[in-house]
């Protein structure tokens, strides 16, 4: 679906995979992105005859960085939020400043 939505544009495909990886990681876990999305991305790049390394690195990088946003996406965050007694919203509020700083 991402390849069709990209309409032949490699940069648009890269962006769509970035969005998909972020949503997958935040919604499920970094393991889901690393273990399930990365092989799909590699198969997609092979089918489209694109260089796989940038796309694979994107998927793995997003699995790590997007998992920092919410506690349930990263085991370390889950343990930290439990130790600090933070709710999911409280944790997200606390992480808003570091997250915005990282992307600016």
PDB file of N, CA and C in Angstrom:
ATOM      1  N   UNK A   1       0.829  -1.194   0.000  1.00  0.00           N
ATOM      2  CA  UNK A   1       0.000   0.000   0.000  1.00  0.00           C
ATOM      3  C   UNK A   1       0.871   1.255   0.000  1.00  0.00           C
ATOM      4  N   UNK A   2       1.971   1.207   0.765  1.00  0.00           N
ATOM      5  CA  UNK A   2       2.866   2.365   0.809  1.00  0.00           C
ATOM      6  C   UNK A   2       3.497   2.613  -0.559  1.00  0.00           C
ATOM      7  N   UNK A   3       3.879   1.541  -1.236  1.00  0.00           N
ATOM      8  CA  UNK A   3       4.492   1.689  -2.558  1.00  0.00           C
ATOM      9  C   UNK A   3       3.504   2.286  -3.551  1.00  0.00           C
ATOM     10  N   UNK A   4       2.265   1.852  -3.486  1.00  0.00           N
ATOM     11  CA  UNK A   4       1.245   2.421  -4.374  1.00  0.00           C
ATOM     12  C   UNK A   4       0.989   3.883  -4.038  1.00  0.00           C
ATOM     13  N   UNK A   5       0.906   4.188  -2.749  1.00  0.00           N
ATOM     14  CA  UNK A   5       0.658   5.570  -2.318  1.00  0.00           C
ATOM     15  C   UNK A   5       1.820   6.481  -2.678  1.00  0.00           C
ATOM     16  N   UNK A   6       3.036   5.931  -2.737  1.00  0.00           N
ATOM     17  CA  UNK A   6       4.208   6.736  -3.081  1.00  0.00           C
ATOM     18  C   UNK A   6       4.220   7.131  -4.553  1.00  0.00           C
ATOM     19  N   UNK A   7       3.496   6.388  -5.363  1.00  0.00           N
ATOM     20  CA  UNK A   7       3.379   6.736  -6.772  1.00  0.00           C
ATOM     21  C   UNK A   7       4.696   6.797  -7.527  1.00  0.00           C
ATOM     22  N   UNK A   8       5.637   5.921  -7.181  1.00  0.00           N
ATOM     23  CA  UNK A   8       6.913   5.883  -7.890  1.00  0.00           C
ATOM     24  C   UNK A   8       7.984   6.801  -7.319  1.00  0.00           C
ATOM     25  N   UNK A   9       7.653   7.581  -6.308  1.00  0.00           N
ATOM     26  CA  UNK A   9       8.617   8.491  -5.691  1.00  0.00           C
ATOM     27  C   UNK A   9       9.336   7.804  -4.533  1.00  0.00           C
ATOM     28  N   UNK A  10      10.649   7.684  -4.653  1.00  0.00           N
ATOM     29  CA  UNK A  10      11.432   7.042  -3.598  1.00  0.00           C
ATOM     30  C   UNK A  10      11.389   7.857  -2.314  1.00  0.00           C
ATOM     31  N   UNK A  11      11.484   9.176  -2.426  1.00  0.00           N
ATOM     32  CA  UNK A  11      11.454  10.013  -1.216  1.00  0.00           C
ATOM     33  C   UNK A  11      10.088   9.961  -0.540  1.00  0.00           C
ATOM     34  N   UNK A  12       9.023   9.895  -1.311  1.00  0.00           N
ATOM     35  CA  UNK A  12       7.688   9.770  -0.723  1.00  0.00           C
ATOM     36  C   UNK A  12       7.534   8.410  -0.045  1.00  0.00           C
ATOM     37  N   UNK A  13       8.069   7.362  -0.655  1.00  0.00           N
ATOM     38  CA  UNK A  13       8.039   6.033  -0.044  1.00  0.00           C
ATOM     39  C   UNK A  13       8.815   6.036   1.266  1.00  0.00           C
ATOM     40  N   UNK A  14       9.964   6.687   1.275  1.00  0.00           N
ATOM     41  CA  UNK A  14      10.769   6.792   2.490  1.00  0.00           C
ATOM     42  C   UNK A  14       9.966   7.477   3.594  1.00  0.00           C
ATOM     43  N   UNK A  15       9.289   8.563   3.253  1.00  0.00           N
ATOM     44  CA  UNK A  15       8.454   9.269   4.223  1.00  0.00           C
ATOM     45  C   UNK A  15       7.290   8.432   4.726  1.00  0.00           C
ATOM     46  N   UNK A  16       6.650   7.710   3.831  1.00  0.00           N
ATOM     47  CA  UNK A  16       5.531   6.856   4.230  1.00  0.00           C
ATOM     48  C   UNK A  16       5.988   5.732   5.155  1.00  0.00           C
ATOM     49  N   UNK A  17       7.136   5.170   4.870  1.00  0.00           N
ATOM     50  CA  UNK A  17       7.669   4.127   5.747  1.00  0.00           C
ATOM     51  C   UNK A  17       8.045   4.725   7.097  1.00  0.00           C
ATOM     52  N   UNK A  18       8.535   5.950   7.100  1.00  0.00           N
ATOM     53  CA  UNK A  18       8.848   6.622   8.365  1.00  0.00           C
ATOM     54  C   UNK A  18       7.582   6.797   9.206  1.00  0.00           C
ATOM     55  N   UNK A  19       6.505   7.214   8.578  1.00  0.00           N
ATOM     56  CA  UNK A  19       5.241   7.377   9.305  1.00  0.00           C
ATOM     57  C   UNK A  19       4.749   6.020   9.801  1.00  0.00           C
ATOM     58  N   UNK A  20       4.781   5.024   8.942  1.00  0.00           N
ATOM     59  CA  UNK A  20       4.341   3.683   9.323  1.00  0.00           C
ATOM     60  C   UNK A  20       5.183   3.128  10.470  1.00  0.00           C
ATOM     61  N   UNK A  21       6.490   3.304  10.403  1.00  0.00           N
ATOM     62  CA  UNK A  21       7.368   2.828  11.465  1.00  0.00           C
ATOM     63  C   UNK A  21       7.117   3.534  12.783  1.00  0.00           C
ATOM     64  N   UNK A  22       6.873   4.833  12.725  1.00  0.00           N
ATOM     65  CA  UNK A  22       6.596   5.599  13.942  1.00  0.00           C
ATOM     66  C   UNK A  22       5.292   5.153  14.573  1.00  0.00           C
ATOM     67  N   UNK A  23       4.256   5.048  13.770  1.00  0.00           N
ATOM     68  CA  UNK A  23       2.946   4.631  14.279  1.00  0.00           C
ATOM     69  C   UNK A  23       3.008   3.208  14.834  1.00  0.00           C
ATOM     70  N   UNK A  24       3.683   2.330  14.129  1.00  0.00           N
ATOM     71  CA  UNK A  24       3.812   0.943  14.588  1.00  0.00           C
ATOM     72  C   UNK A  24       4.547   0.873  15.915  1.00  0.00           C
ATOM     73  N   UNK A  25       5.634   1.617  16.027  1.00  0.00           N
ATOM     74  CA  UNK A  25       6.424   1.577  17.250  1.00  0.00           C
ATOM     75  C   UNK A  25       5.669   2.163  18.425  1.00  0.00           C
ATOM     76  N   UNK A  26       5.039   3.314  18.230  1.00  0.00           N
ATOM     77  CA  UNK A  26       4.299   3.948  19.322  1.00  0.00           C
ATOM     78  C   UNK A  26       3.085   3.106  19.701  1.00  0.00           C
ATOM     79  N   UNK A  27       2.391   2.587  18.704  1.00  0.00           N
ATOM     80  CA  UNK A  27       1.168   1.838  18.971  1.00  0.00           C
ATOM     81  C   UNK A  27       1.385   0.429  19.471  1.00  0.00           C
ATOM     82  N   UNK A  28       2.472  -0.192  19.076  1.00  0.00           N
ATOM     83  CA  UNK A  28       2.707  -1.578  19.461  1.00  0.00           C
ATOM     84  C   UNK A  28       3.963  -1.687  20.309  1.00  0.00           C
ATOM     85  N   UNK A  29       5.128  -1.686  19.653  1.00  0.00           N
ATOM     86  CA  UNK A  29       6.386  -1.745  20.391  1.00  0.00           C
ATOM     87  C   UNK A  29       7.542  -1.619  19.419  1.00  0.00           C
ATOM     88  N   UNK A  30       8.706  -1.372  19.971  1.00  0.00           N
ATOM     89  CA  UNK A  30       9.884  -1.314  19.111  1.00  0.00           C
ATOM     90  C   UNK A  30      10.189  -2.680  18.527  1.00  0.00           C
ATOM     91  N   UNK A  31       9.862  -3.741  19.256  1.00  0.00           N
ATOM     92  CA  UNK A  31      10.094  -5.095  18.741  1.00  0.00           C
ATOM     93  C   UNK A  31       9.265  -5.365  17.498  1.00  0.00           C
ATOM     94  N   UNK A  32       8.029  -4.889  17.502  1.00  0.00           N
ATOM     95  CA  UNK A  32       7.165  -5.085  16.335  1.00  0.00           C
ATOM     96  C   UNK A  32       7.777  -4.439  15.105  1.00  0.00           C
ATOM     97  N   UNK A  33       8.255  -3.223  15.273  1.00  0.00           N
ATOM     98  CA  UNK A  33       8.860  -2.528  14.137  1.00  0.00           C
ATOM     99  C   UNK A  33      10.140  -3.222  13.699  1.00  0.00           C
ATOM    100  N   UNK A  34      10.998  -3.553  14.649  1.00  0.00           N
ATOM    101  CA  UNK A  34      12.283  -4.160  14.292  1.00  0.00           C
ATOM    102  C   UNK A  34      12.117  -5.546  13.692  1.00  0.00           C
ATOM    103  N   UNK A  35      11.227  -6.350  14.276  1.00  0.00           N
ATOM    104  CA  UNK A  35      11.115  -7.748  13.862  1.00  0.00           C
ATOM    105  C   UNK A  35      10.156  -7.951  12.694  1.00  0.00           C
ATOM    106  N   UNK A  36       9.089  -7.185  12.647  1.00  0.00           N
ATOM    107  CA  UNK A  36       8.096  -7.395  11.585  1.00  0.00           C
ATOM    108  C   UNK A  36       8.200  -6.390  10.440  1.00  0.00           C
ATOM    109  N   UNK A  37       8.358  -5.114  10.758  1.00  0.00           N
ATOM    110  CA  UNK A  37       8.367  -4.113   9.694  1.00  0.00           C
ATOM    111  C   UNK A  37       9.665  -4.147   8.880  1.00  0.00           C
ATOM    112  N   UNK A  38      10.794  -4.330   9.540  1.00  0.00           N
ATOM    113  CA  UNK A  38      12.074  -4.303   8.825  1.00  0.00           C
ATOM    114  C   UNK A  38      12.138  -5.353   7.707  1.00  0.00           C
ATOM    115  N   UNK A  39      11.773  -6.615   7.946  1.00  0.00           N
ATOM    116  CA  UNK A  39      11.781  -7.580   6.831  1.00  0.00           C
ATOM    117  C   UNK A  39      10.797  -7.220   5.712  1.00  0.00           C
ATOM    118  N   UNK A  40       9.672  -6.639   6.066  1.00  0.00           N
ATOM    119  CA  UNK A  40       8.711  -6.215   5.041  1.00  0.00           C
ATOM    120  C   UNK A  40       9.323  -5.109   4.193  1.00  0.00           C
ATOM    121  N   UNK A  41       9.999  -4.171   4.845  1.00  0.00           N
ATOM    122  CA  UNK A  41      10.653  -3.077   4.132  1.00  0.00           C
ATOM    123  C   UNK A  41      11.755  -3.623   3.219  1.00  0.00           C
ATOM    124  N   UNK A  42      12.519  -4.590   3.701  1.00  0.00           N
ATOM    125  CA  UNK A  42      13.564  -5.188   2.864  1.00  0.00           C
ATOM    126  C   UNK A  42      12.974  -5.910   1.656  1.00  0.00           C
ATOM    127  N   UNK A  43      11.879  -6.616   1.858  1.00  0.00           N
ATOM    128  CA  UNK A  43      11.219  -7.293   0.732  1.00  0.00           C
ATOM    129  C   UNK A  43      10.670  -6.268  -0.264  1.00  0.00           C
ATOM    130  N   UNK A  44      10.121  -5.187   0.253  1.00  0.00           N
ATOM    131  CA  UNK A  44       9.575  -4.143  -0.615  1.00  0.00           C
ATOM    132  C   UNK A  44      10.676  -3.493  -1.446  1.00  0.00           C
ATOM    133  N   UNK A  45      11.797  -3.163  -0.816  1.00  0.00           N
ATOM    134  CA  UNK A  45      12.884  -2.531  -1.568  1.00  0.00           C
ATOM    135  C   UNK A  45      13.464  -3.489  -2.612  1.00  0.00           C
ATOM    136  N   UNK A  46      13.507  -4.769  -2.296  1.00  0.00           N
ATOM    137  CA  UNK A  46      13.994  -5.739  -3.282  1.00  0.00           C
ATOM    138  C   UNK A  46      13.048  -5.804  -4.474  1.00  0.00           C
ATOM    139  N   UNK A  47      11.765  -5.814  -4.187  1.00  0.00           N
ATOM    140  CA  UNK A  47      10.775  -5.876  -5.269  1.00  0.00           C
ATOM    141  C   UNK A  47      10.826  -4.628  -6.151  1.00  0.00           C
ATOM    142  N   UNK A  48      11.072  -3.474  -5.523  1.00  0.00           N
ATOM    143  CA  UNK A  48      11.116  -2.212  -6.268  1.00  0.00           C
ATOM    144  C   UNK A  48      12.511  -1.893  -6.810  1.00  0.00           C
ATOM    145  N   UNK A  49      13.455  -2.780  -6.536  1.00  0.00           N
ATOM    146  CA  UNK A  49      14.854  -2.601  -6.962  1.00  0.00           C
ATOM    147  C   UNK A  49      15.435  -1.284  -6.450  1.00  0.00           C
ATOM    148  N   UNK A  50      15.222  -1.044  -5.159  1.00  0.00           N
ATOM    149  CA  UNK A  50      15.776   0.125  -4.482  1.00  0.00           C
ATOM    150  C   UNK A  50      16.889  -0.328  -3.546  1.00  0.00           C
ATOM    151  N   UNK A  51      17.773   0.581  -3.209  1.00  0.00           N
ATOM    152  CA  UNK A  51      18.840   0.268  -2.252  1.00  0.00           C
ATOM    153  C   UNK A  51      18.196  -0.016  -0.892  1.00  0.00           C
ATOM    154  N   UNK A  52      18.435  -1.196  -0.336  1.00  0.00           N
ATOM    155  CA  UNK A  52      17.749  -1.559   0.906  1.00  0.00           C
ATOM    156  C   UNK A  52      18.303  -0.883   2.162  1.00  0.00           C
ATOM    157  N   UNK A  53      19.573  -0.535   2.178  1.00  0.00           N
ATOM    158  CA  UNK A  53      20.204  -0.047   3.398  1.00  0.00           C
ATOM    159  C   UNK A  53      19.537   1.203   3.988  1.00  0.00           C
ATOM    160  N   UNK A  54      19.250   2.251   3.211  1.00  0.00           N
ATOM    161  CA  UNK A  54      18.605   3.421   3.821  1.00  0.00           C
ATOM    162  C   UNK A  54      17.245   3.091   4.442  1.00  0.00           C
ATOM    163  N   UNK A  55      16.490   2.241   3.794  1.00  0.00           N
ATOM    164  CA  UNK A  55      15.170   1.875   4.295  1.00  0.00           C
ATOM    165  C   UNK A  55      15.268   0.985   5.531  1.00  0.00           C
ATOM    166  N   UNK A  56      16.218   0.053   5.530  1.00  0.00           N
ATOM    167  CA  UNK A  56      16.417  -0.815   6.699  1.00  0.00           C
ATOM    168  C   UNK A  56      16.889  -0.001   7.897  1.00  0.00           C
ATOM    169  N   UNK A  57      17.825   0.904   7.670  1.00  0.00           N
ATOM    170  CA  UNK A  57      18.298   1.762   8.755  1.00  0.00           C
ATOM    171  C   UNK A  57      17.175   2.641   9.290  1.00  0.00           C
ATOM    172  N   UNK A  58      16.334   3.130   8.400  1.00  0.00           N
ATOM    173  CA  UNK A  58      15.184   3.930   8.825  1.00  0.00           C
ATOM    174  C   UNK A  58      14.283   3.131   9.749  1.00  0.00           C
ATOM    175  N   UNK A  59      13.950   1.919   9.367  1.00  0.00           N
ATOM    176  CA  UNK A  59      13.054   1.093  10.183  1.00  0.00           C
ATOM    177  C   UNK A  59      13.661   0.793  11.545  1.00  0.00           C
ATOM    178  N   UNK A  60      14.935   0.439  11.573  1.00  0.00           N
ATOM    179  CA  UNK A  60      15.584   0.121  12.845  1.00  0.00           C
ATOM    180  C   UNK A  60      15.743   1.375  13.700  1.00  0.00           C
ATOM    181  N   UNK A  61      16.113   2.486  13.090  1.00  0.00           N
ATOM    182  CA  UNK A  61      16.274   3.740  13.817  1.00  0.00           C
ATOM    183  C   UNK A  61      14.941   4.185  14.416  1.00  0.00           C
ATOM    184  N   UNK A  62      13.882   4.079  13.631  1.00  0.00           N
ATOM    185  CA  UNK A  62      12.568   4.469  14.141  1.00  0.00           C
ATOM    186  C   UNK A  62      12.095   3.547  15.256  1.00  0.00           C
ATOM    187  N   UNK A  63      12.434   2.276  15.163  1.00  0.00           N
ATOM    188  CA  UNK A  63      12.063   1.355  16.237  1.00  0.00           C
ATOM    189  C   UNK A  63      12.650   1.834  17.556  1.00  0.00           C
ATOM    190  N   UNK A  64      13.846   2.353  17.504  1.00  0.00           N
ATOM    191  CA  UNK A  64      14.501   2.820  18.715  1.00  0.00           C
ATOM    192  C   UNK A  64      13.993   4.200  19.147  1.00  0.00           C
ATOM    193  N   UNK A  65      14.012   5.164  18.258  1.00  0.00           N
ATOM    194  CA  UNK A  65      13.688   6.536  18.661  1.00  0.00           C
ATOM    195  C   UNK A  65      12.203   6.768  18.902  1.00  0.00           C
ATOM    196  N   UNK A  66      11.340   6.196  18.094  1.00  0.00           N
ATOM    197  CA  UNK A  66       9.909   6.409  18.304  1.00  0.00           C
ATOM    198  C   UNK A  66       9.438   5.736  19.581  1.00  0.00           C
ATOM    199  N   UNK A  67      10.169   4.739  20.039  1.00  0.00           N
ATOM    200  CA  UNK A  67       9.772   4.056  21.268  1.00  0.00           C
ATOM    201  C   UNK A  67      10.001   4.913  22.505  1.00  0.00           C
ATOM    202  N   UNK A  68      10.715   5.996  22.367  1.00  0.00           N
ATOM    203  CA  UNK A  68      10.961   6.868  23.509  1.00  0.00           C
ATOM    204  C   UNK A  68       9.750   7.713  23.878  1.00  0.00           C
ATOM    205  N   UNK A  69       8.790   7.838  22.978  1.00  0.00           N
ATOM    206  CA  UNK A  69       7.666   8.742  23.194  1.00  0.00           C
ATOM    207  C   UNK A  69       6.697   8.263  24.258  1.00  0.00           C
ATOM    208  N   UNK A  70       6.323   7.008  24.211  1.00  0.00           N
ATOM    209  CA  UNK A  70       5.319   6.505  25.148  1.00  0.00           C
ATOM    210  C   UNK A  70       5.867   5.335  25.956  1.00  0.00           C
ATOM    211  N   UNK A  71       5.428   5.200  27.202  1.00  0.00           N
ATOM    212  CA  UNK A  71       5.997   4.159  28.058  1.00  0.00           C
ATOM    213  C   UNK A  71       5.742   2.742  27.573  1.00  0.00           C
ATOM    214  N   UNK A  72       4.598   2.470  26.956  1.00  0.00           N
ATOM    215  CA  UNK A  72       4.311   1.092  26.580  1.00  0.00           C
ATOM    216  C   UNK A  72       5.065   0.653  25.332  1.00  0.00           C
ATOM    217  N   UNK A  73       5.773   1.577  24.685  1.00  0.00           N
ATOM    218  CA  UNK A  73       6.519   1.234  23.482  1.00  0.00           C
ATOM    219  C   UNK A  73       7.929   0.760  23.770  1.00  0.00           C
ATOM    220  N   UNK A  74       8.401   0.967  24.976  1.00  0.00           N
ATOM    221  CA  UNK A  74       9.787   0.672  25.307  1.00  0.00           C
ATOM    222  C   UNK A  74       9.834   0.152  26.738  1.00  0.00           C
ATOM    223  N   UNK A  75      10.446  -1.009  26.923  1.00  0.00           N
ATOM    224  CA  UNK A  75      10.491  -1.620  28.250  1.00  0.00           C
ATOM    225  C   UNK A  75      11.148  -0.706  29.273  1.00  0.00           C
ATOM    226  N   UNK A  76      12.217  -0.015  28.892  1.00  0.00           N
ATOM    227  CA  UNK A  76      12.877   0.907  29.820  1.00  0.00           C
ATOM    228  C   UNK A  76      11.918   1.998  30.263  1.00  0.00           C
ATOM    229  N   UNK A  77      11.151   2.538  29.321  1.00  0.00           N
ATOM    230  CA  UNK A  77      10.166   3.568  29.667  1.00  0.00           C
ATOM    231  C   UNK A  77       9.076   3.005  30.566  1.00  0.00           C
ATOM    232  N   UNK A  78       8.658   1.799  30.300  1.00  0.00           N
ATOM    233  CA  UNK A  78       7.621   1.173  31.109  1.00  0.00           C
ATOM    234  C   UNK A  78       8.083   1.030  32.557  1.00  0.00           C
ATOM    235  N   UNK A  79       9.313   0.569  32.736  1.00  0.00           N
ATOM    236  CA  UNK A  79       9.861   0.428  34.083  1.00  0.00           C
ATOM    237  C   UNK A  79      10.048   1.786  34.752  1.00  0.00           C
ATOM    238  N   UNK A  80      10.526   2.779  34.011  1.00  0.00           N
ATOM    239  CA  UNK A  80      10.738   4.110  34.579  1.00  0.00           C
ATOM    240  C   UNK A  80       9.415   4.752  34.975  1.00  0.00           C
ATOM    241  N   UNK A  81       8.406   4.661  34.113  1.00  0.00           N
ATOM    242  CA  UNK A  81       7.125   5.280  34.439  1.00  0.00           C
ATOM    243  C   UNK A  81       6.474   4.595  35.635  1.00  0.00           C
ATOM    244  N   UNK A  82       6.651   3.289  35.740  1.00  0.00           N
ATOM    245  CA  UNK A  82       6.113   2.570  36.896  1.00  0.00           C
ATOM    246  C   UNK A  82       6.829   3.013  38.170  1.00  0.00           C
ATOM    247  N   UNK A  83       8.129   3.120  38.096  1.00  0.00           N
ATOM    248  CA  UNK A  83       8.930   3.527  39.269  1.00  0.00           C
ATOM    249  C   UNK A  83       8.579   4.944  39.719  1.00  0.00           C
ATOM    250  N   UNK A  84       8.321   5.831  38.755  1.00  0.00           N
ATOM    251  CA  UNK A  84       7.988   7.218  39.068  1.00  0.00           C
ATOM    252  C   UNK A  84       6.505   7.418  39.360  1.00  0.00           C
ATOM    253  N   UNK A  85       5.705   6.375  39.121  1.00  0.00           N
ATOM    254  CA  UNK A  85       4.267   6.478  39.364  1.00  0.00           C
ATOM    255  C   UNK A  85       3.552   7.378  38.369  1.00  0.00           C
ATOM    256  N   UNK A  86       4.018   7.390  37.126  1.00  0.00           N
ATOM    257  CA  UNK A  86       3.431   8.248  36.096  1.00  0.00           C
ATOM    258  C   UNK A  86       2.406   7.481  35.270  1.00  0.00           C
ATOM    259  N   UNK A  87       1.320   8.145  34.937  1.00  0.00           N
ATOM    260  CA  UNK A  87       0.354   7.575  33.993  1.00  0.00           C
ATOM    261  C   UNK A  87       0.929   7.728  32.587  1.00  0.00           C
ATOM    262  N   UNK A  88       0.268   7.146  31.605  1.00  0.00           N
ATOM    263  CA  UNK A  88       0.713   7.285  30.218  1.00  0.00           C
ATOM    264  C   UNK A  88       0.724   8.748  29.808  1.00  0.00           C
ATOM    265  N   UNK A  89      -0.335   9.479  30.141  1.00  0.00           N
ATOM    266  CA  UNK A  89      -0.389  10.901  29.790  1.00  0.00           C
ATOM    267  C   UNK A  89       0.657  11.702  30.558  1.00  0.00           C
ATOM    268  N   UNK A  90       0.871  11.362  31.817  1.00  0.00           N
ATOM    269  CA  UNK A  90       1.896  12.040  32.597  1.00  0.00           C
ATOM    270  C   UNK A  90       3.287  11.810  32.023  1.00  0.00           C
ATOM    271  N   UNK A  91       3.531  10.582  31.589  1.00  0.00           N
ATOM    272  CA  UNK A  91       4.820  10.257  30.981  1.00  0.00           C
ATOM    273  C   UNK A  91       4.988  11.010  29.665  1.00  0.00           C
ATOM    274  N   UNK A  92       3.932  11.027  28.836  1.00  0.00           N
ATOM    275  CA  UNK A  92       3.998  11.738  27.553  1.00  0.00           C
ATOM    276  C   UNK A  92       4.238  13.225  27.776  1.00  0.00           C
ATOM    277  N   UNK A  93       3.596  13.800  28.809  1.00  0.00           N
ATOM    278  CA  UNK A  93       3.806  15.214  29.112  1.00  0.00           C
ATOM    279  C   UNK A  93       5.251  15.466  29.534  1.00  0.00           C
ATOM    280  N   UNK A  94       5.790  14.583  30.332  1.00  0.00           N
ATOM    281  CA  UNK A  94       7.173  14.740  30.778  1.00  0.00           C
ATOM    282  C   UNK A  94       8.145  14.587  29.608  1.00  0.00           C
ATOM    283  N   UNK A  95       7.822  13.747  28.650  1.00  0.00           N
ATOM    284  CA  UNK A  95       8.713  13.510  27.517  1.00  0.00           C
ATOM    285  C   UNK A  95       8.530  14.517  26.386  1.00  0.00           C
ATOM    286  N   UNK A  96       7.523  15.381  26.476  1.00  0.00           N
ATOM    287  CA  UNK A  96       7.240  16.324  25.388  1.00  0.00           C
ATOM    288  C   UNK A  96       8.426  17.252  25.120  1.00  0.00           C
ATOM    289  N   UNK A  97       9.006  17.807  26.152  1.00  0.00           N
ATOM    290  CA  UNK A  97      10.130  18.723  25.949  1.00  0.00           C
ATOM    291  C   UNK A  97      11.349  18.015  25.370  1.00  0.00           C
ATOM    292  N   UNK A  98      11.813  16.902  25.940  1.00  0.00           N
ATOM    293  CA  UNK A  98      12.962  16.227  25.319  1.00  0.00           C
ATOM    294  C   UNK A  98      12.671  15.754  23.901  1.00  0.00           C
ATOM    295  N   UNK A  99      11.429  15.328  23.639  1.00  0.00           N
ATOM    296  CA  UNK A  99      11.085  14.857  22.296  1.00  0.00           C
ATOM    297  C   UNK A  99      11.112  16.004  21.302  1.00  0.00           C
ATOM    298  N   UNK A 100      10.593  17.165  21.687  1.00  0.00           N
ATOM    299  CA  UNK A 100      10.572  18.306  20.769  1.00  0.00           C
ATOM    300  C   UNK A 100      11.981  18.842  20.554  1.00  0.00           C
ATOM    301  N   UNK A 101      12.820  18.786  21.589  1.00  0.00           N
ATOM    302  CA  UNK A 101      14.195  19.246  21.457  1.00  0.00           C
ATOM    303  C   UNK A 101      14.964  18.360  20.470  1.00  0.00           C
ATOM    304  N   UNK A 102      14.750  17.067  20.547  1.00  0.00           N
ATOM    305  CA  UNK A 102      15.469  16.119  19.707  1.00  0.00           C
ATOM    306  C   UNK A 102      15.173  16.361  18.228  1.00  0.00           C
ATOM    307  N   UNK A 103      13.972  16.791  17.889  1.00  0.00           N
ATOM    308  CA  UNK A 103      13.583  16.941  16.487  1.00  0.00           C
ATOM    309  C   UNK A 103      13.802  18.348  15.954  1.00  0.00           C
ATOM    310  N   UNK A 104      14.209  19.278  16.794  1.00  0.00           N
ATOM    311  CA  UNK A 104      14.378  20.648  16.302  1.00  0.00           C
ATOM    312  C   UNK A 104      15.785  20.890  15.791  1.00  0.00           C
TER     313      UNK A 104
END
